[in-house]
Amino acid sequence: MKKNNNDDLLWKYASLGTQIIVGLCLMLYIGNKIDSWIKFNSPLAIWILPLLFIVAIIIKVISETNTKK
């Protein structure tokens, strides 16, 4: 029995969505802990860590979907 290509894509994007949600929640939690530990006047880590995570995810998606000639 041959697997459907659409099922493979579904699982691939579902796992990517789960990674994004879990990663953002983790970065927000860590950023909050860092901000409370260092006692910044403004919440720097809670902004910077998720931003870095989003940039890393975008780079990952671009590199995985890049077609090689």
N, C-alpha and C. Protein backbone atom coordinates (compact mmCIF):
# COMPACT_ATOMS: atom_id res chain seq x y z
N MET A 1 0.84 -1.17 0.00
CA MET A 1 0.00 0.00 0.00
C MET A 1 0.89 1.24 0.00
N LYS A 2 0.64 2.15 -0.94
CA LYS A 2 1.46 3.34 -1.08
C LYS A 2 0.88 4.47 -0.23
N LYS A 3 1.76 5.18 0.46
CA LYS A 3 1.32 6.31 1.29
C LYS A 3 0.96 7.50 0.43
N ASN A 4 -0.01 8.25 0.89
CA ASN A 4 -0.43 9.45 0.19
C ASN A 4 0.53 10.59 0.51
N ASN A 5 0.96 11.33 -0.50
CA ASN A 5 1.89 12.43 -0.31
C ASN A 5 1.26 13.55 0.52
N ASN A 6 -0.07 13.73 0.40
CA ASN A 6 -0.75 14.75 1.18
C ASN A 6 -0.70 14.46 2.67
N ASP A 7 -0.75 13.17 3.02
CA ASP A 7 -0.65 12.80 4.44
C ASP A 7 0.73 13.14 4.99
N ASP A 8 1.75 12.94 4.18
CA ASP A 8 3.11 13.28 4.60
C ASP A 8 3.25 14.77 4.83
N LEU A 9 2.68 15.56 3.91
CA LEU A 9 2.74 17.02 4.07
C LEU A 9 1.95 17.48 5.29
N LEU A 10 0.82 16.83 5.53
CA LEU A 10 0.01 17.17 6.70
C LEU A 10 0.79 16.97 7.99
N TRP A 11 1.45 15.83 8.11
CA TRP A 11 2.23 15.56 9.32
C TRP A 11 3.44 16.47 9.43
N LYS A 12 4.04 16.81 8.30
CA LYS A 12 5.20 17.69 8.30
C LYS A 12 4.82 19.08 8.82
N TYR A 13 3.73 19.63 8.30
CA TYR A 13 3.32 20.97 8.71
C TYR A 13 2.69 20.97 10.10
N ALA A 14 2.05 19.88 10.48
CA ALA A 14 1.51 19.79 11.84
C ALA A 14 2.64 19.77 12.86
N SER A 15 3.70 19.05 12.55
CA SER A 15 4.84 19.02 13.48
C SER A 15 5.55 20.38 13.51
N LEU A 16 5.61 21.06 12.38
CA LEU A 16 6.22 22.40 12.36
C LEU A 16 5.40 23.37 13.19
N GLY A 17 4.08 23.31 13.07
CA GLY A 17 3.21 24.17 13.87
C GLY A 17 3.35 23.91 15.35
N THR A 18 3.45 22.64 15.72
CA THR A 18 3.64 22.28 17.12
C THR A 18 4.98 22.79 17.64
N GLN A 19 6.02 22.66 16.83
CA GLN A 19 7.34 23.16 17.22
C GLN A 19 7.31 24.67 17.43
N ILE A 20 6.60 25.38 16.57
CA ILE A 20 6.53 26.84 16.69
C ILE A 20 5.81 27.23 17.96
N ILE A 21 4.67 26.61 18.24
CA ILE A 21 3.89 26.97 19.42
C ILE A 21 4.66 26.65 20.70
N VAL A 22 5.22 25.45 20.77
CA VAL A 22 5.96 25.05 21.97
C VAL A 22 7.22 25.91 22.13
N GLY A 23 7.91 26.17 21.03
CA GLY A 23 9.13 26.97 21.09
C GLY A 23 8.85 28.41 21.53
N LEU A 24 7.77 29.00 21.00
CA LEU A 24 7.44 30.37 21.41
C LEU A 24 7.04 30.43 22.88
N CYS A 25 6.26 29.46 23.32
CA CYS A 25 5.88 29.44 24.75
C CYS A 25 7.11 29.28 25.64
N LEU A 26 8.03 28.42 25.23
CA LEU A 26 9.25 28.21 26.00
C LEU A 26 10.11 29.47 26.03
N MET A 27 10.25 30.14 24.88
CA MET A 27 11.04 31.37 24.83
C MET A 27 10.40 32.48 25.66
N LEU A 28 9.08 32.57 25.65
CA LEU A 28 8.40 33.57 26.48
C LEU A 28 8.62 33.28 27.97
N TYR A 29 8.55 32.02 28.35
CA TYR A 29 8.76 31.64 29.75
C TYR A 29 10.19 31.95 30.18
N ILE A 30 11.15 31.55 29.35
CA ILE A 30 12.56 31.80 29.68
C ILE A 30 12.84 33.29 29.70
N GLY A 31 12.29 34.03 28.73
CA GLY A 31 12.48 35.48 28.70
C GLY A 31 11.91 36.16 29.94
N ASN A 32 10.77 35.69 30.40
CA ASN A 32 10.17 36.24 31.62
C ASN A 32 11.05 35.96 32.83
N LYS A 33 11.59 34.76 32.92
CA LYS A 33 12.48 34.41 34.03
C LYS A 33 13.76 35.24 33.99
N ILE A 34 14.33 35.42 32.81
CA ILE A 34 15.56 36.22 32.69
C ILE A 34 15.28 37.67 33.08
N ASP A 35 14.16 38.22 32.62
CA ASP A 35 13.83 39.61 32.95
C ASP A 35 13.61 39.79 34.45
N SER A 36 12.99 38.82 35.10
CA SER A 36 12.78 38.95 36.54
C SER A 36 14.08 38.70 37.31
N TRP A 37 14.97 37.88 36.77
CA TRP A 37 16.23 37.59 37.44
C TRP A 37 17.20 38.77 37.33
N ILE A 38 17.30 39.37 36.15
CA ILE A 38 18.24 40.48 35.93
C ILE A 38 17.62 41.81 36.32
N LYS A 39 16.30 41.88 36.39
CA LYS A 39 15.56 43.08 36.78
C LYS A 39 15.79 44.23 35.82
N PHE A 40 15.52 43.97 34.53
CA PHE A 40 15.57 45.03 33.53
C PHE A 40 14.44 46.02 33.77
N ASN A 41 14.65 47.29 33.36
CA ASN A 41 13.57 48.28 33.44
C ASN A 41 12.46 47.99 32.44
N SER A 42 12.85 47.52 31.27
CA SER A 42 11.86 47.13 30.27
C SER A 42 12.07 45.64 29.96
N PRO A 43 11.03 44.96 29.51
CA PRO A 43 11.15 43.51 29.27
C PRO A 43 11.92 43.19 27.99
N LEU A 44 13.24 43.21 28.06
CA LEU A 44 14.06 42.98 26.87
C LEU A 44 14.09 41.52 26.44
N ALA A 45 14.33 40.64 27.37
CA ALA A 45 14.48 39.23 27.02
C ALA A 45 13.17 38.62 26.54
N ILE A 46 12.06 39.10 27.06
CA ILE A 46 10.77 38.55 26.65
C ILE A 46 10.42 38.98 25.22
N TRP A 47 11.10 40.00 24.70
CA TRP A 47 10.94 40.41 23.31
C TRP A 47 12.01 39.79 22.42
N ILE A 48 13.25 39.73 22.89
CA ILE A 48 14.36 39.30 22.05
C ILE A 48 14.36 37.79 21.80
N LEU A 49 14.13 36.99 22.83
CA LEU A 49 14.19 35.54 22.66
C LEU A 49 13.15 35.00 21.67
N PRO A 50 11.87 35.39 21.78
CA PRO A 50 10.92 34.91 20.75
C PRO A 50 11.23 35.43 19.35
N LEU A 51 11.76 36.65 19.26
CA LEU A 51 12.13 37.19 17.96
C LEU A 51 13.25 36.37 17.32
N LEU A 52 14.26 36.03 18.10
CA LEU A 52 15.34 35.18 17.60
C LEU A 52 14.83 33.81 17.19
N PHE A 53 13.88 33.29 17.96
CA PHE A 53 13.29 31.98 17.64
C PHE A 53 12.53 32.04 16.31
N ILE A 54 11.76 33.10 16.10
CA ILE A 54 11.00 33.24 14.85
C ILE A 54 11.95 33.36 13.66
N VAL A 55 13.03 34.12 13.82
CA VAL A 55 14.01 34.25 12.74
C VAL A 55 14.64 32.89 12.45
N ALA A 56 14.95 32.12 13.48
CA ALA A 56 15.54 30.79 13.28
C ALA A 56 14.57 29.86 12.56
N ILE A 57 13.30 29.91 12.91
CA ILE A 57 12.29 29.07 12.26
C ILE A 57 12.14 29.46 10.79
N ILE A 58 12.15 30.76 10.50
CA ILE A 58 12.03 31.21 9.11
C ILE A 58 13.23 30.73 8.30
N ILE A 59 14.43 30.83 8.86
CA ILE A 59 15.62 30.35 8.17
C ILE A 59 15.53 28.84 7.94
N LYS A 60 15.04 28.11 8.93
CA LYS A 60 14.89 26.66 8.80
C LYS A 60 13.92 26.30 7.69
N VAL A 61 12.78 26.98 7.64
CA VAL A 61 11.77 26.69 6.61
C VAL A 61 12.30 27.04 5.23
N ILE A 62 12.99 28.15 5.10
CA ILE A 62 13.55 28.54 3.80
C ILE A 62 14.60 27.54 3.34
N SER A 63 15.45 27.10 4.24
CA SER A 63 16.49 26.14 3.84
C SER A 63 15.91 24.78 3.51
N GLU A 64 14.82 24.37 4.18
CA GLU A 64 14.21 23.07 3.89
C GLU A 64 13.40 23.09 2.60
N THR A 65 12.83 24.22 2.25
CA THR A 65 12.01 24.29 1.05
C THR A 65 12.77 24.80 -0.17
N ASN A 66 14.03 25.12 0.00
CA ASN A 66 14.85 25.60 -1.10
C ASN A 66 15.08 24.47 -2.08
N THR A 67 14.76 24.72 -3.33
CA THR A 67 15.00 23.70 -4.37
C THR A 67 16.41 23.83 -4.88
N LYS A 68 17.11 22.72 -4.90
CA LYS A 68 18.49 22.72 -5.37
C LYS A 68 18.52 22.38 -6.85
N LYS A 69 19.33 23.10 -7.59
CA LYS A 69 19.43 22.89 -9.04
C LYS A 69 20.51 21.90 -9.37
